[in-house]
C-alpha cells in the first residue's frame, strides 16, 4: 500500500484522535483518514452523477 504524507493543523489532528482507540470508532489515525477519504469520494461520485459527469 502506498504511503502518503501530509501536513494537518494540530487542532484537526487532536479532534480526530478523540475518535481513535479502544473507546473510539477507529483503530488508528490512518484508519480514520482512509475512511474519511472514502466517504468524501463516494459523496463526490454522487454529485458527479447528478451532474452527468460520471463515465460509465
N, C-alpha and C. Protein backbone atom coordinates (compact mmCIF):
# COMPACT_ATOMS: atom_id res chain seq x y z
N UNK A 1 0.85 -1.17 0.00
CA UNK A 1 0.00 0.00 0.00
C UNK A 1 0.91 1.24 0.00
N UNK A 2 0.65 2.18 -0.90
CA UNK A 2 1.46 3.40 -0.93
C UNK A 2 1.30 4.21 0.36
N UNK A 3 2.32 4.93 0.71
CA UNK A 3 2.27 5.80 1.89
C UNK A 3 2.10 7.24 1.42
N UNK A 4 1.36 8.01 2.20
CA UNK A 4 1.10 9.41 1.90
C UNK A 4 1.49 10.22 3.12
N UNK A 5 2.12 11.34 2.88
CA UNK A 5 2.49 12.24 3.96
C UNK A 5 1.72 13.54 3.77
N UNK A 6 1.27 14.13 4.87
CA UNK A 6 0.53 15.38 4.76
C UNK A 6 0.73 16.23 5.99
N UNK A 7 0.51 17.50 5.83
CA UNK A 7 0.51 18.44 6.95
C UNK A 7 -0.93 18.68 7.35
N UNK A 8 -1.16 18.72 8.66
CA UNK A 8 -2.51 18.90 9.17
C UNK A 8 -2.44 19.81 10.39
N UNK A 9 -3.36 20.76 10.49
CA UNK A 9 -3.37 21.60 11.69
C UNK A 9 -3.53 20.75 12.96
N UNK A 10 -2.83 21.15 14.01
CA UNK A 10 -2.84 20.40 15.27
C UNK A 10 -4.24 20.22 15.82
N UNK A 11 -5.08 21.22 15.68
CA UNK A 11 -6.44 21.13 16.23
C UNK A 11 -7.26 20.03 15.52
N UNK A 12 -7.10 19.91 14.21
CA UNK A 12 -7.82 18.86 13.48
C UNK A 12 -7.32 17.49 13.92
N UNK A 13 -6.00 17.34 14.03
CA UNK A 13 -5.44 16.07 14.47
C UNK A 13 -5.90 15.72 15.88
N UNK A 14 -5.93 16.69 16.75
CA UNK A 14 -6.38 16.47 18.12
C UNK A 14 -7.85 16.04 18.13
N UNK A 15 -8.68 16.72 17.37
CA UNK A 15 -10.09 16.36 17.28
C UNK A 15 -10.25 14.94 16.72
N UNK A 16 -9.47 14.62 15.71
CA UNK A 16 -9.53 13.30 15.09
C UNK A 16 -9.15 12.21 16.08
N UNK A 17 -8.13 12.46 16.88
CA UNK A 17 -7.66 11.46 17.84
C UNK A 17 -8.69 11.14 18.92
N UNK A 18 -9.66 12.02 19.15
CA UNK A 18 -10.70 11.71 20.13
C UNK A 18 -11.59 10.57 19.65
N UNK A 19 -11.54 10.25 18.35
CA UNK A 19 -12.35 9.18 17.77
C UNK A 19 -11.53 7.92 17.50
N UNK A 20 -10.29 7.89 17.97
CA UNK A 20 -9.38 6.78 17.72
C UNK A 20 -9.06 6.07 19.03
N UNK A 21 -8.94 4.75 18.96
CA UNK A 21 -8.53 3.98 20.14
C UNK A 21 -9.61 3.04 20.62
N UNK A 22 -9.40 2.49 21.81
CA UNK A 22 -10.31 1.49 22.36
C UNK A 22 -11.74 2.00 22.50
N UNK A 23 -11.91 3.27 22.84
CA UNK A 23 -13.26 3.82 23.02
C UNK A 23 -13.74 4.59 21.80
N UNK A 24 -12.96 4.59 20.73
CA UNK A 24 -13.31 5.35 19.53
C UNK A 24 -13.81 4.45 18.42
N UNK A 25 -14.19 5.08 17.34
CA UNK A 25 -14.73 4.36 16.18
C UNK A 25 -13.61 3.77 15.33
N UNK A 26 -12.42 4.36 15.37
CA UNK A 26 -11.33 3.95 14.50
C UNK A 26 -10.18 3.35 15.30
N UNK A 27 -9.46 2.43 14.67
CA UNK A 27 -8.34 1.77 15.36
C UNK A 27 -7.06 2.60 15.30
N UNK A 28 -6.99 3.51 14.32
CA UNK A 28 -5.79 4.34 14.18
C UNK A 28 -6.17 5.63 13.44
N UNK A 29 -5.28 6.61 13.52
CA UNK A 29 -5.48 7.85 12.78
C UNK A 29 -5.51 7.56 11.29
N UNK A 30 -4.63 6.67 10.83
CA UNK A 30 -4.60 6.31 9.41
C UNK A 30 -5.94 5.71 8.98
N UNK A 31 -6.52 4.86 9.81
CA UNK A 31 -7.83 4.27 9.51
C UNK A 31 -8.90 5.35 9.41
N UNK A 32 -8.87 6.32 10.30
CA UNK A 32 -9.84 7.41 10.27
C UNK A 32 -9.70 8.25 9.01
N UNK A 33 -8.47 8.53 8.61
CA UNK A 33 -8.23 9.33 7.40
C UNK A 33 -8.67 8.56 6.16
N UNK A 34 -8.34 7.25 6.09
CA UNK A 34 -8.77 6.44 4.94
C UNK A 34 -10.29 6.42 4.83
N UNK A 35 -10.96 6.23 5.97
CA UNK A 35 -12.43 6.18 5.98
C UNK A 35 -13.02 7.52 5.53
N UNK A 36 -12.45 8.62 6.01
CA UNK A 36 -12.93 9.94 5.62
C UNK A 36 -12.74 10.17 4.12
N UNK A 37 -11.62 9.75 3.58
CA UNK A 37 -11.36 9.91 2.14
C UNK A 37 -12.34 9.09 1.32
N UNK A 38 -12.59 7.84 1.75
CA UNK A 38 -13.56 7.01 1.02
C UNK A 38 -14.95 7.65 1.02
N UNK A 39 -15.36 8.16 2.17
CA UNK A 39 -16.68 8.79 2.27
C UNK A 39 -16.76 10.03 1.38
N UNK A 40 -15.70 10.84 1.39
CA UNK A 40 -15.68 12.03 0.55
C UNK A 40 -15.76 11.65 -0.93
N UNK A 41 -15.00 10.63 -1.35
CA UNK A 41 -15.03 10.21 -2.75
C UNK A 41 -16.41 9.68 -3.14
N UNK A 42 -17.08 8.95 -2.24
CA UNK A 42 -18.45 8.49 -2.52
C UNK A 42 -19.38 9.68 -2.71
N UNK A 43 -19.25 10.70 -1.86
CA UNK A 43 -20.09 11.89 -1.99
C UNK A 43 -19.80 12.62 -3.29
N UNK A 44 -18.54 12.72 -3.67
CA UNK A 44 -18.19 13.38 -4.93
C UNK A 44 -18.73 12.61 -6.13
N UNK A 45 -18.71 11.27 -6.06
CA UNK A 45 -19.29 10.45 -7.13
C UNK A 45 -20.78 10.72 -7.27
N UNK A 46 -21.48 10.84 -6.13
CA UNK A 46 -22.92 11.13 -6.18
C UNK A 46 -23.18 12.50 -6.81
N UNK A 47 -22.37 13.48 -6.46
CA UNK A 47 -22.52 14.82 -7.03
C UNK A 47 -22.25 14.77 -8.53
N UNK A 48 -21.17 14.10 -8.93
CA UNK A 48 -20.85 13.99 -10.35
C UNK A 48 -21.95 13.27 -11.11
N UNK A 49 -22.53 12.24 -10.52
CA UNK A 49 -23.62 11.51 -11.17
C UNK A 49 -24.83 12.41 -11.38
N UNK A 50 -25.14 13.24 -10.39
CA UNK A 50 -26.29 14.16 -10.53
C UNK A 50 -26.05 15.16 -11.65
N UNK A 51 -24.80 15.50 -11.90
CA UNK A 51 -24.47 16.49 -12.92
C UNK A 51 -24.05 15.85 -14.25
N UNK A 52 -24.21 14.54 -14.34
CA UNK A 52 -23.90 13.83 -15.58
C UNK A 52 -22.42 13.80 -15.91
N UNK A 53 -21.57 13.84 -14.90
CA UNK A 53 -20.13 13.88 -15.15
C UNK A 53 -19.44 12.54 -14.95
N UNK A 54 -20.19 11.48 -14.63
CA UNK A 54 -19.57 10.17 -14.42
C UNK A 54 -19.52 9.40 -15.73
N UNK A 55 -18.39 8.77 -15.97
CA UNK A 55 -18.27 7.92 -17.15
C UNK A 55 -18.73 6.52 -16.78
N UNK A 56 -19.46 5.91 -17.65
CA UNK A 56 -19.97 4.54 -17.42
C UNK A 56 -18.84 3.55 -17.59
